[in-house]
């Protein structure tokens, strides 16, 4: 039997990059997937791909900064598939690479709203459904930058570190309800976002891949395999942890 057979997952930021890779991996393991993204066309493309491959998926526009939008996305998953088992808070945004005094307040708030509050809202609206069935796995996409620092990345590092702590608190709060909560921290990953930052993925590999002891960037499917592990019964004794998949970056 596939590891996520008959389970239902909601994934924010599922329209591309790591989120899309997680959606594909979950579907391959038997899960029905609700793809949420502010770019609804991208989410619809991923859902169509999964359905064409024999999976079960739907897509919905979702702005994780809006409590109502997140609530509606969770409700839509339950309406479509009848239950909820796995929640993946993956939506994230970048900020300009500048020091704190040069970072506009609006950019700081945007990072908090998307990276941190977005995860909070997804958990807030999903928890009552997970509690009602006394089971569930919540996965918060953090980063190796939640453990180490990078110049000019106060907002990104700060929000990702906060997600690791949020996972720990929620793990304690909900352990007796059968709900597990873990963070998943990727290292540098070859995604569209990284290509935009460096100009091309080739430049990203050259500039940042070598900073990882394994000598390259991660591939999105490598991170997705970690998410499958955290979502499945293979990690049944794991909660409040941060699964680090960073090619040795934070060990330097």
C-alpha atoms as a PDB file:
ATOM      1  CA  UNK A   1       0.000   0.000   0.000  1.00  0.00           C
ATOM      2  CA  UNK A   2       1.163   3.507  -0.790  1.00  0.00           C
ATOM      3  CA  UNK A   3       2.247   5.491   2.249  1.00  0.00           C
ATOM      4  CA  UNK A   4      -0.474   8.157   2.063  1.00  0.00           C
ATOM      5  CA  UNK A   5      -3.294   6.040   0.663  1.00  0.00           C
ATOM      6  CA  UNK A   6      -6.760   7.547   1.293  1.00  0.00           C
ATOM      7  CA  UNK A   7      -5.358  10.602   3.074  1.00  0.00           C
ATOM      8  CA  UNK A   8      -6.172  14.213   2.223  1.00  0.00           C
ATOM      9  CA  UNK A   9      -3.589  16.977   2.214  1.00  0.00           C
ATOM     10  CA  UNK A  10      -3.761  20.745   1.952  1.00  0.00           C
ATOM     11  CA  UNK A  11      -0.628  22.484   0.662  1.00  0.00           C
ATOM     12  CA  UNK A  12      -0.132  26.237   0.460  1.00  0.00           C
ATOM     13  CA  UNK A  13       2.220  27.617  -2.161  1.00  0.00           C
ATOM     14  CA  UNK A  14       1.522  24.504  -4.234  1.00  0.00           C
ATOM     15  CA  UNK A  15       1.765  26.237  -7.596  1.00  0.00           C
ATOM     16  CA  UNK A  16       5.504  25.751  -8.043  1.00  0.00           C
ATOM     17  CA  UNK A  17       8.859  24.885  -6.560  1.00  0.00           C
ATOM     18  CA  UNK A  18       8.925  22.815  -3.386  1.00  0.00           C
ATOM     19  CA  UNK A  19       5.143  23.073  -2.909  1.00  0.00           C
ATOM     20  CA  UNK A  20       4.428  21.568  -6.323  1.00  0.00           C
ATOM     21  CA  UNK A  21       7.015  18.854  -5.716  1.00  0.00           C
ATOM     22  CA  UNK A  22       5.326  17.956  -2.425  1.00  0.00           C
ATOM     23  CA  UNK A  23       1.942  17.837  -4.156  1.00  0.00           C
ATOM     24  CA  UNK A  24       3.334  15.427  -6.767  1.00  0.00           C
ATOM     25  CA  UNK A  25       4.995  13.245  -4.150  1.00  0.00           C
ATOM     26  CA  UNK A  26       1.860  13.101  -2.001  1.00  0.00           C
ATOM     27  CA  UNK A  27      -0.317  12.188  -4.987  1.00  0.00           C
ATOM     28  CA  UNK A  28       2.120   9.457  -6.012  1.00  0.00           C
ATOM     29  CA  UNK A  29       1.765   8.014  -2.502  1.00  0.00           C
ATOM     30  CA  UNK A  30      -2.035   7.960  -2.750  1.00  0.00           C
ATOM     31  CA  UNK A  31      -3.121  11.227  -1.153  1.00  0.00           C
ATOM     32  CA  UNK A  32      -5.799  13.549  -2.450  1.00  0.00           C
ATOM     33  CA  UNK A  33      -4.329  17.036  -2.650  1.00  0.00           C
ATOM     34  CA  UNK A  34      -5.848  20.495  -2.352  1.00  0.00           C
ATOM     35  CA  UNK A  35      -3.410  22.869  -4.075  1.00  0.00           C
ATOM     36  CA  UNK A  36      -3.635  26.387  -2.659  1.00  0.00           C
ATOM     37  CA  UNK A  37      -1.719  29.313  -4.127  1.00  0.00           C
ATOM     38  CA  UNK A  38      -2.171  33.025  -4.645  1.00  0.00           C
ATOM     39  CA  UNK A  39      -1.309  32.248  -8.300  1.00  0.00           C
ATOM     40  CA  UNK A  40      -4.409  30.205  -8.999  1.00  0.00           C
ATOM     41  CA  UNK A  41      -3.391  29.421 -12.586  1.00  0.00           C
ATOM     42  CA  UNK A  42      -0.195  27.794 -11.336  1.00  0.00           C
ATOM     43  CA  UNK A  43      -2.119  25.799  -8.732  1.00  0.00           C
ATOM     44  CA  UNK A  44      -4.626  24.685 -11.365  1.00  0.00           C
ATOM     45  CA  UNK A  45      -1.815  23.521 -13.623  1.00  0.00           C
ATOM     46  CA  UNK A  46      -0.349  21.366 -10.854  1.00  0.00           C
ATOM     47  CA  UNK A  47      -3.759  19.926  -9.966  1.00  0.00           C
ATOM     48  CA  UNK A  48      -4.461  19.137 -13.619  1.00  0.00           C
ATOM     49  CA  UNK A  49      -1.123  17.366 -13.899  1.00  0.00           C
ATOM     50  CA  UNK A  50      -1.919  15.233 -10.855  1.00  0.00           C
ATOM     51  CA  UNK A  51      -5.391  14.358 -12.118  1.00  0.00           C
ATOM     52  CA  UNK A  52      -4.042  13.467 -15.567  1.00  0.00           C
ATOM     53  CA  UNK A  53      -1.648  11.062 -13.868  1.00  0.00           C
ATOM     54  CA  UNK A  54      -4.523   9.293 -12.126  1.00  0.00           C
ATOM     55  CA  UNK A  55      -4.445  11.200  -8.852  1.00  0.00           C
ATOM     56  CA  UNK A  56      -7.054  13.270  -7.054  1.00  0.00           C
ATOM     57  CA  UNK A  57      -6.431  16.980  -6.812  1.00  0.00           C
ATOM     58  CA  UNK A  58      -8.188  20.322  -6.774  1.00  0.00           C
ATOM     59  CA  UNK A  59      -6.894  23.872  -6.855  1.00  0.00           C
ATOM     60  CA  UNK A  60      -8.065  27.074  -5.273  1.00  0.00           C
ATOM     61  CA  UNK A  61      -6.793  30.618  -5.056  1.00  0.00           C
ATOM     62  CA  UNK A  62      -5.553  31.386  -1.563  1.00  0.00           C
ATOM     63  CA  UNK A  63      -3.903  34.424  -0.075  1.00  0.00           C
ATOM     64  CA  UNK A  64      -2.340  33.160   3.151  1.00  0.00           C
ATOM     65  CA  UNK A  65      -2.375  36.688   4.572  1.00  0.00           C
ATOM     66  CA  UNK A  66      -6.180  36.483   4.734  1.00  0.00           C
ATOM     67  CA  UNK A  67      -7.847  34.413   7.428  1.00  0.00           C
ATOM     68  CA  UNK A  68     -10.997  34.090   5.331  1.00  0.00           C
ATOM     69  CA  UNK A  69      -9.076  32.951   2.266  1.00  0.00           C
ATOM     70  CA  UNK A  70      -7.204  30.285   4.222  1.00  0.00           C
ATOM     71  CA  UNK A  71     -10.374  29.125   5.976  1.00  0.00           C
ATOM     72  CA  UNK A  72     -12.137  28.764   2.639  1.00  0.00           C
ATOM     73  CA  UNK A  73      -9.212  26.788   1.219  1.00  0.00           C
ATOM     74  CA  UNK A  74      -9.323  24.310   4.110  1.00  0.00           C
ATOM     75  CA  UNK A  75     -13.101  24.024   3.874  1.00  0.00           C
ATOM     76  CA  UNK A  76     -12.888  23.413   0.134  1.00  0.00           C
ATOM     77  CA  UNK A  77     -10.552  20.464   0.704  1.00  0.00           C
ATOM     78  CA  UNK A  78     -12.958  18.866   3.155  1.00  0.00           C
ATOM     79  CA  UNK A  79     -15.941  19.524   0.893  1.00  0.00           C
ATOM     80  CA  UNK A  80     -14.104  17.918  -2.023  1.00  0.00           C
ATOM     81  CA  UNK A  81     -12.480  14.950  -0.306  1.00  0.00           C
ATOM     82  CA  UNK A  82     -14.423  14.401   2.904  1.00  0.00           C
ATOM     83  CA  UNK A  83     -11.657  14.735   5.488  1.00  0.00           C
ATOM     84  CA  UNK A  84      -8.273  16.287   6.269  1.00  0.00           C
ATOM     85  CA  UNK A  85      -5.139  14.438   7.347  1.00  0.00           C
ATOM     86  CA  UNK A  86      -2.048  16.427   6.349  1.00  0.00           C
ATOM     87  CA  UNK A  87      -1.399  20.167   6.381  1.00  0.00           C
ATOM     88  CA  UNK A  88       1.663  21.679   4.707  1.00  0.00           C
ATOM     89  CA  UNK A  89       2.380  25.378   5.286  1.00  0.00           C
ATOM     90  CA  UNK A  90       4.738  26.112   2.418  1.00  0.00           C
ATOM     91  CA  UNK A  91       3.811  29.582   1.142  1.00  0.00           C
ATOM     92  CA  UNK A  92       6.679  32.044   1.511  1.00  0.00           C
ATOM     93  CA  UNK A  93       8.013  35.323   0.218  1.00  0.00           C
ATOM     94  CA  UNK A  94      11.430  36.921  -0.027  1.00  0.00           C
ATOM     95  CA  UNK A  95      12.509  40.401   1.009  1.00  0.00           C
ATOM     96  CA  UNK A  96      15.255  42.703  -0.271  1.00  0.00           C
ATOM     97  CA  UNK A  97      18.731  41.684   0.885  1.00  0.00           C
ATOM     98  CA  UNK A  98      19.492  44.711   3.052  1.00  0.00           C
ATOM     99  CA  UNK A  99      20.266  45.445   6.691  1.00  0.00           C
ATOM    100  CA  UNK A 100      17.451  46.103   9.142  1.00  0.00           C
ATOM    101  CA  UNK A 101      17.802  49.875   9.037  1.00  0.00           C
ATOM    102  CA  UNK A 102      17.404  49.838   5.249  1.00  0.00           C
ATOM    103  CA  UNK A 103      14.532  47.346   5.142  1.00  0.00           C
ATOM    104  CA  UNK A 104      11.183  49.075   4.515  1.00  0.00           C
ATOM    105  CA  UNK A 105       8.638  48.398   7.231  1.00  0.00           C
ATOM    106  CA  UNK A 106       6.218  47.214   4.573  1.00  0.00           C
ATOM    107  CA  UNK A 107       8.663  44.497   3.447  1.00  0.00           C
ATOM    108  CA  UNK A 108       9.191  43.351   7.034  1.00  0.00           C
ATOM    109  CA  UNK A 109       5.452  43.111   7.570  1.00  0.00           C
ATOM    110  CA  UNK A 110       4.958  41.259   4.286  1.00  0.00           C
ATOM    111  CA  UNK A 111       7.507  38.628   5.335  1.00  0.00           C
ATOM    112  CA  UNK A 112       5.758  38.196   8.683  1.00  0.00           C
ATOM    113  CA  UNK A 113       2.321  38.057   7.069  1.00  0.00           C
ATOM    114  CA  UNK A 114       3.207  35.458   4.435  1.00  0.00           C
ATOM    115  CA  UNK A 115       5.932  33.346   6.018  1.00  0.00           C
ATOM    116  CA  UNK A 116       4.741  33.245   9.611  1.00  0.00           C
ATOM    117  CA  UNK A 117       1.155  34.438   9.940  1.00  0.00           C
ATOM    118  CA  UNK A 118       0.217  32.440   6.839  1.00  0.00           C
ATOM    119  CA  UNK A 119       1.363  29.261   8.584  1.00  0.00           C
ATOM    120  CA  UNK A 120      -0.453  30.292  11.765  1.00  0.00           C
ATOM    121  CA  UNK A 121      -3.706  30.838   9.867  1.00  0.00           C
ATOM    122  CA  UNK A 122      -3.467  27.517   8.052  1.00  0.00           C
ATOM    123  CA  UNK A 123      -2.942  25.699  11.339  1.00  0.00           C
ATOM    124  CA  UNK A 124      -5.687  27.697  13.058  1.00  0.00           C
ATOM    125  CA  UNK A 125      -8.303  26.689  10.501  1.00  0.00           C
ATOM    126  CA  UNK A 126      -7.093  23.108  10.033  1.00  0.00           C
ATOM    127  CA  UNK A 127      -6.733  22.133  13.689  1.00  0.00           C
ATOM    128  CA  UNK A 128     -10.453  21.765  14.509  1.00  0.00           C
ATOM    129  CA  UNK A 129     -10.811  19.237  11.689  1.00  0.00           C
ATOM    130  CA  UNK A 130      -7.714  17.284  12.706  1.00  0.00           C
ATOM    131  CA  UNK A 131      -8.837  17.338  16.348  1.00  0.00           C
ATOM    132  CA  UNK A 132     -12.243  15.925  15.460  1.00  0.00           C
ATOM    133  CA  UNK A 133     -10.644  12.772  14.048  1.00  0.00           C
ATOM    134  CA  UNK A 134      -7.865  12.657  16.680  1.00  0.00           C
ATOM    135  CA  UNK A 135      -5.095  12.405  14.117  1.00  0.00           C
ATOM    136  CA  UNK A 136      -3.096  14.449  11.654  1.00  0.00           C
ATOM    137  CA  UNK A 137       0.308  15.675  10.588  1.00  0.00           C
ATOM    138  CA  UNK A 138       1.191  19.355  10.246  1.00  0.00           C
ATOM    139  CA  UNK A 139       4.365  20.301   8.395  1.00  0.00           C
ATOM    140  CA  UNK A 140       5.765  23.832   8.523  1.00  0.00           C
ATOM    141  CA  UNK A 141       8.283  24.628   5.781  1.00  0.00           C
ATOM    142  CA  UNK A 142      11.109  26.438   7.524  1.00  0.00           C
ATOM    143  CA  UNK A 143      14.684  26.637   6.210  1.00  0.00           C
ATOM    144  CA  UNK A 144      18.285  26.053   7.137  1.00  0.00           C
ATOM    145  CA  UNK A 145      18.193  29.846   7.493  1.00  0.00           C
ATOM    146  CA  UNK A 146      16.103  29.284  10.598  1.00  0.00           C
ATOM    147  CA  UNK A 147      19.284  27.905  12.192  1.00  0.00           C
ATOM    148  CA  UNK A 148      22.049  29.970  10.636  1.00  0.00           C
ATOM    149  CA  UNK A 149      22.225  33.582   9.500  1.00  0.00           C
ATOM    150  CA  UNK A 150      22.797  35.179   6.123  1.00  0.00           C
ATOM    151  CA  UNK A 151      23.726  38.780   5.450  1.00  0.00           C
ATOM    152  CA  UNK A 152      20.797  41.060   4.739  1.00  0.00           C
ATOM    153  CA  UNK A 153      18.185  38.398   5.506  1.00  0.00           C
ATOM    154  CA  UNK A 154      16.789  39.490   8.864  1.00  0.00           C
ATOM    155  CA  UNK A 155      13.148  39.059   7.857  1.00  0.00           C
ATOM    156  CA  UNK A 156      13.607  35.721   6.114  1.00  0.00           C
ATOM    157  CA  UNK A 157      15.848  34.193   8.788  1.00  0.00           C
ATOM    158  CA  UNK A 158      13.663  35.592  11.549  1.00  0.00           C
ATOM    159  CA  UNK A 159      10.425  34.186  10.173  1.00  0.00           C
ATOM    160  CA  UNK A 160      11.924  30.791   9.357  1.00  0.00           C
ATOM    161  CA  UNK A 161      13.404  30.482  12.830  1.00  0.00           C
ATOM    162  CA  UNK A 162      10.013  31.369  14.251  1.00  0.00           C
ATOM    163  CA  UNK A 163       8.404  28.533  12.304  1.00  0.00           C
ATOM    164  CA  UNK A 164      10.734  26.019  13.946  1.00  0.00           C
ATOM    165  CA  UNK A 165       9.654  27.302  17.358  1.00  0.00           C
ATOM    166  CA  UNK A 166       5.985  27.374  16.333  1.00  0.00           C
ATOM    167  CA  UNK A 167       6.200  23.697  15.401  1.00  0.00           C
ATOM    168  CA  UNK A 168       7.640  22.863  18.815  1.00  0.00           C
ATOM    169  CA  UNK A 169       4.924  24.702  20.718  1.00  0.00           C
ATOM    170  CA  UNK A 170       2.128  23.207  18.651  1.00  0.00           C
ATOM    171  CA  UNK A 171       3.615  19.736  19.015  1.00  0.00           C
ATOM    172  CA  UNK A 172       3.323  20.042  22.782  1.00  0.00           C
ATOM    173  CA  UNK A 173      -0.121  21.620  22.646  1.00  0.00           C
ATOM    174  CA  UNK A 174      -1.661  18.929  20.442  1.00  0.00           C
ATOM    175  CA  UNK A 175       0.223  15.706  21.193  1.00  0.00           C
ATOM    176  CA  UNK A 176      -2.603  14.354  23.345  1.00  0.00           C
ATOM    177  CA  UNK A 177      -5.004  14.947  20.444  1.00  0.00           C
ATOM    178  CA  UNK A 178      -3.084  12.645  18.117  1.00  0.00           C
ATOM    179  CA  UNK A 179      -1.756  15.534  16.032  1.00  0.00           C
ATOM    180  CA  UNK A 180       1.927  15.687  15.161  1.00  0.00           C
ATOM    181  CA  UNK A 181       3.631  18.950  14.186  1.00  0.00           C
ATOM    182  CA  UNK A 182       7.099  19.167  12.653  1.00  0.00           C
ATOM    183  CA  UNK A 183       9.166  21.664  10.724  1.00  0.00           C
ATOM    184  CA  UNK A 184      10.926  20.785   7.483  1.00  0.00           C
ATOM    185  CA  UNK A 185      14.039  22.836   6.716  1.00  0.00           C
ATOM    186  CA  UNK A 186      15.432  22.681   3.184  1.00  0.00           C
ATOM    187  CA  UNK A 187      18.788  24.011   2.157  1.00  0.00           C
ATOM    188  CA  UNK A 188      19.244  25.920  -1.090  1.00  0.00           C
ATOM    189  CA  UNK A 189      16.878  24.319  -3.600  1.00  0.00           C
ATOM    190  CA  UNK A 190      16.792  24.642  -7.387  1.00  0.00           C
ATOM    191  CA  UNK A 191      13.439  26.395  -7.795  1.00  0.00           C
ATOM    192  CA  UNK A 192      11.996  29.196  -9.879  1.00  0.00           C
ATOM    193  CA  UNK A 193      12.369  31.529  -6.914  1.00  0.00           C
ATOM    194  CA  UNK A 194      16.097  30.888  -6.727  1.00  0.00           C
ATOM    195  CA  UNK A 195      16.387  31.352 -10.476  1.00  0.00           C
ATOM    196  CA  UNK A 196      14.761  34.760 -10.155  1.00  0.00           C
ATOM    197  CA  UNK A 197      17.117  35.731  -7.363  1.00  0.00           C
ATOM    198  CA  UNK A 198      20.294  34.770  -9.230  1.00  0.00           C
ATOM    199  CA  UNK A 199      19.119  35.307 -12.796  1.00  0.00           C
ATOM    200  CA  UNK A 200      19.293  31.635 -13.785  1.00  0.00           C
ATOM    201  CA  UNK A 201      19.529  28.300 -12.016  1.00  0.00           C
ATOM    202  CA  UNK A 202      22.982  27.842 -13.505  1.00  0.00           C
ATOM    203  CA  UNK A 203      24.124  31.007 -11.772  1.00  0.00           C
ATOM    204  CA  UNK A 204      22.460  29.876  -8.563  1.00  0.00           C
ATOM    205  CA  UNK A 205      24.355  26.581  -8.690  1.00  0.00           C
ATOM    206  CA  UNK A 206      27.627  28.372  -9.292  1.00  0.00           C
ATOM    207  CA  UNK A 207      27.062  31.044  -6.648  1.00  0.00           C
ATOM    208  CA  UNK A 208      25.385  29.093  -3.888  1.00  0.00           C
ATOM    209  CA  UNK A 209      25.460  25.397  -4.673  1.00  0.00           C
ATOM    210  CA  UNK A 210      29.121  25.179  -3.732  1.00  0.00           C
ATOM    211  CA  UNK A 211      28.351  26.660  -0.301  1.00  0.00           C
ATOM    212  CA  UNK A 212      26.719  23.335   0.555  1.00  0.00           C
ATOM    213  CA  UNK A 213      29.226  20.628   1.525  1.00  0.00           C
ATOM    214  CA  UNK A 214      27.611  18.175  -0.896  1.00  0.00           C
ATOM    215  CA  UNK A 215      28.582  20.629  -3.648  1.00  0.00           C
ATOM    216  CA  UNK A 216      25.212  21.433  -5.170  1.00  0.00           C
ATOM    217  CA  UNK A 217      21.687  22.698  -4.605  1.00  0.00           C
ATOM    218  CA  UNK A 218      18.875  20.368  -3.615  1.00  0.00           C
ATOM    219  CA  UNK A 219      16.278  19.267  -6.124  1.00  0.00           C
ATOM    220  CA  UNK A 220      12.642  19.937  -5.126  1.00  0.00           C
ATOM    221  CA  UNK A 221      11.799  16.235  -5.163  1.00  0.00           C
ATOM    222  CA  UNK A 222      14.524  15.596  -2.583  1.00  0.00           C
ATOM    223  CA  UNK A 223      12.763  17.957  -0.184  1.00  0.00           C
ATOM    224  CA  UNK A 224       9.386  16.454  -1.084  1.00  0.00           C
ATOM    225  CA  UNK A 225      10.557  13.016   0.036  1.00  0.00           C
ATOM    226  CA  UNK A 226      11.134  14.480   3.491  1.00  0.00           C
ATOM    227  CA  UNK A 227       7.576  15.822   3.498  1.00  0.00           C
ATOM    228  CA  UNK A 228       6.220  12.374   2.597  1.00  0.00           C
ATOM    229  CA  UNK A 229       8.123  10.917   5.542  1.00  0.00           C
ATOM    230  CA  UNK A 230       6.702  13.507   7.948  1.00  0.00           C
ATOM    231  CA  UNK A 231       3.177  13.032   6.594  1.00  0.00           C
ATOM    232  CA  UNK A 232       3.278   9.250   6.794  1.00  0.00           C
ATOM    233  CA  UNK A 233       3.179   6.736   9.629  1.00  0.00           C
ATOM    234  CA  UNK A 234       6.909   6.207   9.137  1.00  0.00           C
ATOM    235  CA  UNK A 235       7.413   9.277  11.352  1.00  0.00           C
ATOM    236  CA  UNK A 236       4.759   8.283  13.909  1.00  0.00           C
ATOM    237  CA  UNK A 237       7.123   8.855  16.862  1.00  0.00           C
ATOM    238  CA  UNK A 238       8.287  12.217  15.577  1.00  0.00           C
ATOM    239  CA  UNK A 239       6.799  15.526  16.679  1.00  0.00           C
ATOM    240  CA  UNK A 240       8.236  18.904  17.610  1.00  0.00           C
ATOM    241  CA  UNK A 241      11.263  18.202  15.408  1.00  0.00           C
ATOM    242  CA  UNK A 242      12.914  20.081  12.573  1.00  0.00           C
ATOM    243  CA  UNK A 243      13.828  17.762   9.711  1.00  0.00           C
ATOM    244  CA  UNK A 244      16.894  19.378   8.173  1.00  0.00           C
ATOM    245  CA  UNK A 245      17.651  18.544   4.532  1.00  0.00           C
ATOM    246  CA  UNK A 246      20.344  21.058   3.704  1.00  0.00           C
ATOM    247  CA  UNK A 247      23.263  19.247   2.130  1.00  0.00           C
ATOM    248  CA  UNK A 248      25.356  19.979   5.203  1.00  0.00           C
ATOM    249  CA  UNK A 249      25.030  23.767   4.904  1.00  0.00           C
ATOM    250  CA  UNK A 250      24.342  24.398   8.587  1.00  0.00           C
ATOM    251  CA  UNK A 251      27.133  22.024   9.669  1.00  0.00           C
ATOM    252  CA  UNK A 252      29.832  24.356   8.375  1.00  0.00           C
END
